[in-house]
Amino acid sequence: MRIGFVGFGEAAYHIAKGLRQPGIESIAAFEIKVTEKVRERARETETRLVENNQALAEACDIMLSAVTADQALSAAEQNASFLAASHLYADLNSVSPGLKQLIARVIGATGARFAEIAMMAPVPPYGHKVPMLAGGDGAPQFVEKLAPFGISAEIVSREVGVAAATKMFRSIMVKGIEALLTECVLGATRYNADQRVFASLAESFPGMDWKNLADYMVGRVVVHGERRAREMEEVAATLRELDIEPIMAEAIVRRMDWSVEAGLKQFFGGEAPKSYREVVEAAAKKPVGAG
């Protein structure tokens, strides 16, 4: 079996790392922005970096699209010309159900099978075993071919869009809590009230360690703010498709983009900060993050 990745970012790297095992003949990837980090990860996972979409299609039987949400349709269109009936194209990107259906039509016109995949947890630390939901006519083949290698995917529907919708509406809660905690500590620390806020929350929601949750979730806003903002734009699009005004989803986009504009990821060298207080201190040094 030959695997090909469209995009070789964090998710693709961790999945490729787990799939590097007997039975997988080769792993290839096409990445537009080939940095030294991408090269290092390719060497580590024995992934061959190819020069274009045609070379990727020729190098794989199963093509996994793992780009940013705003590039998912473009990636499908760029690869469509080189797909054949023997290919399985799986879209792992966090996009709206409507966009997944559009991508499915682009891929379906080539004769290739299509599977929509929704990853329901952060890829690290699960790696290729991250819980997934699968849909589309290619979902059974995706599970059949990759389950023996540890891929954990539940087929939720032959209809494209159900898996994506599950992911989208879950994201409102997860990214919403991340945005709320970030905004909470930015303000509460100004009055040294953060510990009392967490103590009060613990009384209202027993069993939750709010300080540790803030350390983790605020850190994820720093590291993944750009990707999360684009994903929440897809959530907003999903809500609009249902004639629901995406008031909260759009607010989450703003807070995620704030992290990007404040340069926090670069400040921490792309690594997760150890605590939310480090983020607050870093933000205070940036004009955008001062308020």
Protein backbone atom coordinates (compact mmCIF):
# COMPACT_ATOMS: atom_id res chain seq x y z
CA MET A 1 0.00 0.00 0.00
CA ARG A 2 1.29 3.44 -0.93
CA ILE A 3 0.25 6.55 1.03
CA GLY A 4 0.44 10.13 -0.22
CA PHE A 5 -0.07 13.34 1.75
CA VAL A 6 -1.26 16.62 0.27
CA GLY A 7 0.48 18.97 2.69
CA PHE A 8 3.00 17.83 5.26
CA GLY A 9 2.27 19.90 8.34
CA GLU A 10 1.85 18.77 11.92
CA ALA A 11 -1.10 16.43 11.39
CA ALA A 12 0.40 14.73 8.34
CA TYR A 13 3.74 14.32 10.08
CA HIS A 14 2.28 12.58 13.14
CA ILE A 15 0.05 10.34 11.03
CA ALA A 16 2.94 9.42 8.73
CA LYS A 17 5.10 8.65 11.74
CA GLY A 18 2.56 6.14 12.97
CA LEU A 19 1.97 4.58 9.55
CA ARG A 20 5.66 3.91 8.98
CA GLN A 21 5.33 0.16 9.62
CA PRO A 22 5.46 -3.14 7.72
CA GLY A 23 2.73 -3.36 5.10
CA ILE A 24 3.00 0.26 4.03
CA GLU A 25 5.19 0.16 0.95
CA SER A 26 5.92 3.88 0.78
CA ILE A 27 4.86 7.31 2.01
CA ALA A 28 5.11 10.41 -0.19
CA ALA A 29 4.07 14.02 0.32
CA PHE A 30 3.68 17.20 -1.67
CA GLU A 31 4.23 20.34 0.38
CA ILE A 32 4.30 23.78 -1.23
CA LYS A 33 6.30 25.41 1.58
CA VAL A 34 9.23 23.04 2.14
CA THR A 35 11.05 24.35 5.20
CA GLU A 36 13.95 22.73 7.00
CA LYS A 37 11.48 21.47 9.61
CA VAL A 38 9.45 19.78 6.87
CA ARG A 39 12.63 18.15 5.52
CA GLU A 40 13.61 16.93 8.99
CA ARG A 41 10.17 15.42 9.54
CA ALA A 42 10.24 13.81 6.12
CA ARG A 43 13.60 12.20 6.89
CA GLU A 44 12.39 11.02 10.28
CA THR A 45 9.28 9.36 8.84
CA GLU A 46 11.01 8.18 5.65
CA THR A 47 8.54 10.24 3.64
CA ARG A 48 9.58 11.12 0.09
CA LEU A 49 8.88 14.75 -0.76
CA VAL A 50 7.71 15.04 -4.38
CA GLU A 51 7.76 18.13 -6.58
CA ASN A 52 4.16 18.36 -7.79
CA ASN A 53 0.64 16.95 -7.65
CA GLN A 54 1.16 14.63 -10.59
CA ALA A 55 4.17 13.02 -8.95
CA LEU A 56 2.16 12.55 -5.76
CA ALA A 57 -0.71 10.84 -7.58
CA GLU A 58 1.74 8.52 -9.32
CA ALA A 59 3.37 7.68 -5.98
CA CYS A 60 0.27 6.68 -4.01
CA ASP A 61 -2.92 4.66 -3.92
CA ILE A 62 -4.45 6.47 -0.95
CA MET A 63 -4.14 10.26 -0.97
CA LEU A 64 -4.70 12.09 2.33
CA SER A 65 -5.39 15.82 2.11
CA ALA A 66 -4.08 17.56 5.24
CA VAL A 67 -3.80 21.23 4.32
CA THR A 68 -5.27 24.32 5.99
CA ALA A 69 -9.06 24.66 5.83
CA ASP A 70 -8.94 27.53 3.34
CA GLN A 71 -6.88 25.42 0.91
CA ALA A 72 -8.94 22.21 1.02
CA LEU A 73 -10.94 22.83 -2.16
CA SER A 74 -7.93 24.18 -4.03
CA ALA A 75 -5.95 21.07 -3.07
CA ALA A 76 -8.70 18.81 -4.40
CA GLU A 77 -8.94 20.75 -7.66
CA GLN A 78 -5.18 20.70 -8.18
CA ASN A 79 -4.99 16.95 -7.66
CA ALA A 80 -8.16 16.01 -9.54
CA SER A 81 -6.48 16.03 -12.96
CA PHE A 82 -4.12 13.29 -11.88
CA LEU A 83 -6.50 10.96 -10.03
CA ALA A 84 -7.78 7.68 -11.43
CA ALA A 85 -10.45 5.18 -10.43
CA SER A 86 -7.80 3.27 -8.50
CA HIS A 87 -7.26 6.18 -6.09
CA LEU A 88 -8.90 6.83 -2.75
CA TYR A 89 -8.90 10.52 -1.82
CA ALA A 90 -9.50 11.24 1.88
CA ASP A 91 -10.05 14.82 3.00
CA LEU A 92 -8.86 15.26 6.60
CA ASN A 93 -9.41 19.01 6.71
CA SER A 94 -11.72 20.84 9.11
CA VAL A 95 -14.19 22.41 6.69
CA SER A 96 -17.95 22.87 6.50
CA PRO A 97 -20.26 20.06 5.38
CA GLY A 98 -21.14 22.07 2.28
CA LEU A 99 -17.48 22.42 1.33
CA LYS A 100 -16.87 18.72 1.95
CA GLN A 101 -19.73 17.94 -0.42
CA LEU A 102 -18.24 20.26 -3.05
CA ILE A 103 -14.84 18.56 -2.68
CA ALA A 104 -16.57 15.18 -2.97
CA ARG A 105 -18.07 16.23 -6.30
CA VAL A 106 -14.69 17.40 -7.59
CA ILE A 107 -13.08 14.09 -6.66
CA GLY A 108 -16.07 11.98 -7.73
CA ALA A 109 -15.89 13.40 -11.25
CA THR A 110 -12.46 11.78 -11.66
CA GLY A 111 -13.74 8.28 -10.89
CA ALA A 112 -11.73 8.12 -7.67
CA ARG A 113 -13.42 7.24 -4.39
CA PHE A 114 -13.86 9.97 -1.78
CA ALA A 115 -13.85 9.77 2.01
CA GLU A 116 -14.51 12.69 4.31
CA ILE A 117 -12.57 12.34 7.55
CA ALA A 118 -13.16 14.36 10.70
CA MET A 119 -10.42 14.13 13.32
CA MET A 120 -12.15 14.45 16.66
CA ALA A 121 -9.14 15.23 18.87
CA PRO A 122 -5.73 16.89 18.54
CA VAL A 123 -3.46 14.62 16.49
CA PRO A 124 -0.65 14.76 19.04
CA PRO A 125 -0.45 12.73 21.25
CA TYR A 126 -2.67 10.17 19.46
CA GLY A 127 -0.73 10.24 16.21
CA HIS A 128 -2.29 8.08 13.53
CA LYS A 129 -4.61 6.59 16.16
CA VAL A 130 -6.47 9.88 16.64
CA PRO A 131 -10.24 9.21 16.79
CA MET A 132 -11.81 9.83 13.37
CA LEU A 133 -15.27 9.90 11.85
CA ALA A 134 -15.58 8.82 8.22
CA GLY A 135 -18.20 9.37 5.54
CA GLY A 136 -18.65 9.13 1.78
CA ASP A 137 -18.48 6.28 -0.70
CA GLY A 138 -14.80 5.76 0.08
CA ALA A 139 -15.24 5.50 3.85
CA PRO A 140 -15.51 1.66 3.94
CA GLN A 141 -12.37 1.33 1.85
CA PHE A 142 -10.53 3.85 4.05
CA VAL A 143 -11.36 1.84 7.17
CA GLU A 144 -10.70 -1.53 5.55
CA LYS A 145 -7.28 -0.50 4.22
CA LEU A 146 -5.98 1.50 7.18
CA ALA A 147 -7.58 -0.02 10.29
CA PRO A 148 -5.03 -2.88 10.32
CA PHE A 149 -2.33 -0.22 10.78
CA GLY A 150 -3.99 1.41 13.79
CA ILE A 151 -6.19 4.04 12.15
CA SER A 152 -9.27 4.45 14.35
CA ALA A 153 -12.18 5.58 12.16
CA GLU A 154 -15.91 5.12 12.69
CA ILE A 155 -18.11 5.21 9.60
CA VAL A 156 -20.98 7.53 10.43
CA SER A 157 -22.69 7.85 7.04
CA ARG A 158 -22.33 7.18 3.32
CA GLU A 159 -23.64 10.73 2.93
CA VAL A 160 -20.87 13.33 2.86
CA GLY A 161 -21.28 16.06 5.47
CA VAL A 162 -22.33 14.21 8.62
CA ALA A 163 -18.78 13.70 9.89
CA ALA A 164 -17.87 17.30 9.08
CA ALA A 165 -20.94 18.63 10.88
CA THR A 166 -20.04 16.66 13.99
CA LYS A 167 -16.55 18.14 13.93
CA MET A 168 -17.78 21.68 13.26
CA PHE A 169 -20.26 21.83 16.10
CA ARG A 170 -17.84 20.23 18.53
CA SER A 171 -15.35 22.95 17.60
CA ILE A 172 -17.75 25.65 18.79
CA MET A 173 -17.39 24.22 22.29
CA VAL A 174 -13.67 23.36 22.29
CA LYS A 175 -12.35 26.48 20.55
CA GLY A 176 -14.93 28.55 22.40
CA ILE A 177 -13.56 27.44 25.76
CA GLU A 178 -10.03 28.17 24.54
CA ALA A 179 -11.03 31.69 23.50
CA LEU A 180 -12.98 32.33 26.71
CA LEU A 181 -10.13 31.18 28.95
CA THR A 182 -7.66 33.32 27.03
CA GLU A 183 -9.82 36.40 27.38
CA CYS A 184 -10.52 35.58 31.03
CA VAL A 185 -6.87 35.37 32.09
CA LEU A 186 -5.85 38.41 30.04
CA GLY A 187 -8.23 40.43 32.18
CA ALA A 188 -8.16 38.61 35.52
CA THR A 189 -4.38 38.71 35.86
CA ARG A 190 -4.45 42.53 35.69
CA TYR A 191 -6.14 42.46 39.10
CA ASN A 192 -4.35 39.32 40.33
CA ALA A 193 -7.81 37.75 40.45
CA ASP A 194 -7.14 34.68 38.28
CA GLN A 195 -6.70 32.18 41.12
CA ARG A 196 -9.92 33.32 42.79
CA VAL A 197 -11.73 33.09 39.47
CA PHE A 198 -10.54 29.49 39.06
CA ALA A 199 -11.50 28.64 42.64
CA SER A 200 -15.01 29.99 42.06
CA LEU A 201 -15.31 28.06 38.79
CA ALA A 202 -14.22 24.87 40.56
CA GLU A 203 -17.12 25.27 42.97
CA SER A 204 -19.55 25.67 40.10
CA PHE A 205 -18.02 22.87 38.01
CA PRO A 206 -16.60 20.26 40.43
CA GLY A 207 -13.82 18.05 39.12
CA MET A 208 -12.40 20.63 36.71
CA ASP A 209 -8.84 21.83 37.27
CA TRP A 210 -9.29 25.26 35.73
CA LYS A 211 -5.71 26.42 36.23
CA ASN A 212 -4.26 23.43 34.36
CA LEU A 213 -6.98 23.71 31.72
CA ALA A 214 -6.08 27.37 31.18
CA ASP A 215 -2.37 26.53 30.89
CA TYR A 216 -3.15 23.95 28.22
CA MET A 217 -5.86 25.73 26.27
CA VAL A 218 -4.33 29.20 26.22
CA GLY A 219 -1.13 27.56 25.01
CA ARG A 220 -3.02 25.96 22.13
CA VAL A 221 -4.38 29.35 21.10
CA VAL A 222 -0.77 30.54 20.87
CA VAL A 223 0.51 27.58 18.83
CA HIS A 224 -2.54 26.86 16.68
CA GLY A 225 -4.34 30.21 16.53
CA GLU A 226 -4.03 30.60 12.76
CA ARG A 227 -5.38 27.13 11.97
CA ARG A 228 -8.13 27.45 14.56
CA ALA A 229 -9.25 30.82 13.19
CA ARG A 230 -9.61 29.37 9.69
CA GLU A 231 -11.45 26.35 11.05
CA MET A 232 -13.88 28.57 12.97
CA GLU A 233 -14.55 30.49 9.77
CA GLU A 234 -15.71 27.16 8.37
CA VAL A 235 -17.88 26.69 11.46
CA ALA A 236 -19.41 30.11 10.81
CA ALA A 237 -20.05 29.11 7.19
CA THR A 238 -21.73 25.91 8.41
CA LEU A 239 -24.06 27.91 10.64
CA ARG A 240 -24.91 30.33 7.84
CA GLU A 241 -25.83 27.38 5.64
CA LEU A 242 -28.46 26.64 8.29
CA ASP A 243 -29.62 30.28 8.53
CA ILE A 244 -28.11 30.56 12.02
CA GLU A 245 -26.17 33.74 12.74
CA PRO A 246 -22.64 32.68 13.82
CA ILE A 247 -22.31 35.22 16.64
CA MET A 248 -20.06 33.12 18.87
CA ALA A 249 -18.15 31.45 16.06
CA GLU A 250 -17.11 34.80 14.62
CA ALA A 251 -16.06 36.04 18.05
CA ILE A 252 -13.81 32.99 18.42
CA VAL A 253 -12.23 33.80 15.05
CA ARG A 254 -11.36 37.28 16.32
CA ARG A 255 -9.68 35.98 19.48
CA MET A 256 -7.69 33.38 17.54
CA ASP A 257 -6.60 35.97 14.99
CA TRP A 258 -5.60 38.26 17.86
CA SER A 259 -3.03 35.67 18.90
CA VAL A 260 -1.64 35.57 15.37
CA GLU A 261 -1.51 39.36 15.00
CA ALA A 262 0.21 39.68 18.38
CA GLY A 263 3.00 37.42 17.12
CA LEU A 264 2.73 35.09 20.11
CA LYS A 265 3.64 31.93 18.21
CA GLN A 266 6.88 33.51 17.01
CA PHE A 267 7.55 34.85 20.51
CA PHE A 268 7.52 31.30 21.87
CA GLY A 269 9.40 29.86 18.90
CA GLY A 270 6.43 27.77 17.80
CA GLU A 271 6.45 25.80 21.06
CA ALA A 272 3.63 25.71 23.60
CA PRO A 273 4.18 28.05 26.56
CA LYS A 274 4.34 26.38 29.97
CA SER A 275 1.59 28.45 31.53
CA TYR A 276 -1.08 31.02 30.72
CA ARG A 277 0.84 33.58 32.77
CA GLU A 278 3.72 33.36 30.29
CA VAL A 279 1.23 34.18 27.54
CA VAL A 280 -0.18 37.13 29.48
CA GLU A 281 3.32 38.50 30.03
CA ALA A 282 4.25 38.03 26.38
CA ALA A 283 1.02 39.69 25.21
CA ALA A 284 1.71 42.69 27.45
CA LYS A 285 4.91 43.33 25.53
CA LYS A 286 3.02 43.55 22.23
CA PRO A 287 0.92 46.62 21.30
CA VAL A 288 -1.85 44.39 19.96
CA GLY A 289 -1.94 42.31 23.11
CA ALA A 290 -1.96 45.18 25.57
CA GLY A 291 -5.71 45.26 25.95
